[in-house]
Protein backbone atom coordinates (compact mmCIF):
# COMPACT_ATOMS: atom_id res chain seq x y z
CA MET A 1 -19.24 28.45 -5.73
CA ARG A 2 -21.22 25.31 -6.40
CA ASP A 3 -19.86 21.82 -5.87
CA THR A 4 -20.80 18.73 -7.80
CA GLN A 5 -20.12 15.10 -7.08
CA LEU A 6 -18.63 13.03 -9.88
CA THR A 7 -18.87 9.26 -9.95
CA VAL A 8 -15.95 7.69 -11.77
CA ASN A 9 -15.75 3.96 -12.45
CA CYS A 10 -12.18 2.66 -12.12
CA PHE A 11 -11.07 0.98 -15.36
CA SER A 12 -9.15 -1.64 -13.42
CA CYS A 13 -11.28 -2.78 -10.46
CA LYS A 14 -14.61 -1.53 -11.87
CA GLN A 15 -15.52 0.12 -8.55
CA ASP A 16 -17.30 3.46 -8.52
CA GLN A 17 -15.42 6.27 -6.81
CA ALA A 18 -17.01 9.58 -5.77
CA VAL A 19 -15.10 12.83 -6.16
CA LYS A 20 -16.50 16.21 -5.12
CA VAL A 21 -15.32 19.17 -7.21
CA ASN A 22 -16.26 22.78 -7.81
CA GLU A 23 -18.32 23.15 -11.00
CA LYS A 24 -16.21 26.05 -12.32
CA ASP A 25 -13.02 24.07 -11.69
CA LEU A 26 -14.50 21.13 -13.60
CA GLU A 27 -15.38 23.42 -16.49
CA ASN A 28 -11.80 24.74 -16.55
CA TYR A 29 -10.43 21.18 -16.47
CA ASN A 30 -12.73 20.11 -19.32
CA ASN A 31 -11.45 23.12 -21.29
CA GLY A 32 -7.84 21.96 -21.01
CA ALA A 33 -6.53 23.21 -17.66
CA HIS A 34 -4.24 20.83 -15.75
CA ALA A 35 -5.83 18.85 -12.92
CA GLN A 36 -3.10 19.79 -10.43
CA HIS A 37 -3.81 23.48 -11.06
CA VAL A 38 -7.61 23.47 -10.94
CA PHE A 39 -8.06 20.81 -8.23
CA PRO A 40 -5.39 21.58 -5.60
CA TYR A 41 -7.92 20.60 -2.91
CA LEU A 42 -8.15 17.00 -4.22
CA SER A 43 -5.74 14.28 -3.19
CA ALA A 44 -3.22 12.96 -5.71
CA ASP A 45 -5.30 9.76 -5.92
CA GLU A 46 -8.48 11.71 -6.71
CA ARG A 47 -6.72 13.73 -9.40
CA GLU A 48 -5.25 10.56 -10.93
CA LEU A 49 -8.74 9.04 -11.02
CA LEU A 50 -10.00 12.03 -13.01
CA ILE A 51 -6.99 11.99 -15.34
CA SER A 52 -6.58 8.28 -16.05
CA GLY A 53 -9.70 6.59 -14.71
CA ILE A 54 -7.59 4.46 -12.34
CA CYS A 55 -8.26 4.59 -8.59
CA GLY A 56 -5.43 5.04 -6.10
CA CYS A 57 -5.39 1.41 -4.94
CA CYS A 58 -5.19 0.04 -8.48
CA PHE A 59 -2.59 2.65 -9.45
CA ASP A 60 -0.42 1.62 -6.49
CA LYS A 61 -0.79 -2.08 -7.40
CA MET A 62 0.18 -1.37 -11.00
CA PHE A 63 3.45 0.23 -9.91
CA GLU A 64 4.38 -1.95 -6.91
CA GLY A 65 8.11 -2.49 -6.79
CA ASP A 66 8.86 0.27 -9.28
CA GLU A 67 10.32 2.52 -6.58
CA ASP A 68 14.05 3.06 -6.61
CA GLU A 69 15.41 1.01 -3.71
CA SER A 70 18.92 2.47 -3.66
């Protein structure tokens, strides 16, 4: 199994983020498989970066205060 490092530029903060994935998993993802199924070894933030192009910090800032406080 070969790994590859992806560099993804966050759409919001414009910072490059590195994510290391297995090449076969990346191929499966690019062919329509769900990120949570093919990348279980990535953090939720890393998967979100691949899905939406938004890094974890920016994603958290976007949704600050949206949590149910009941």
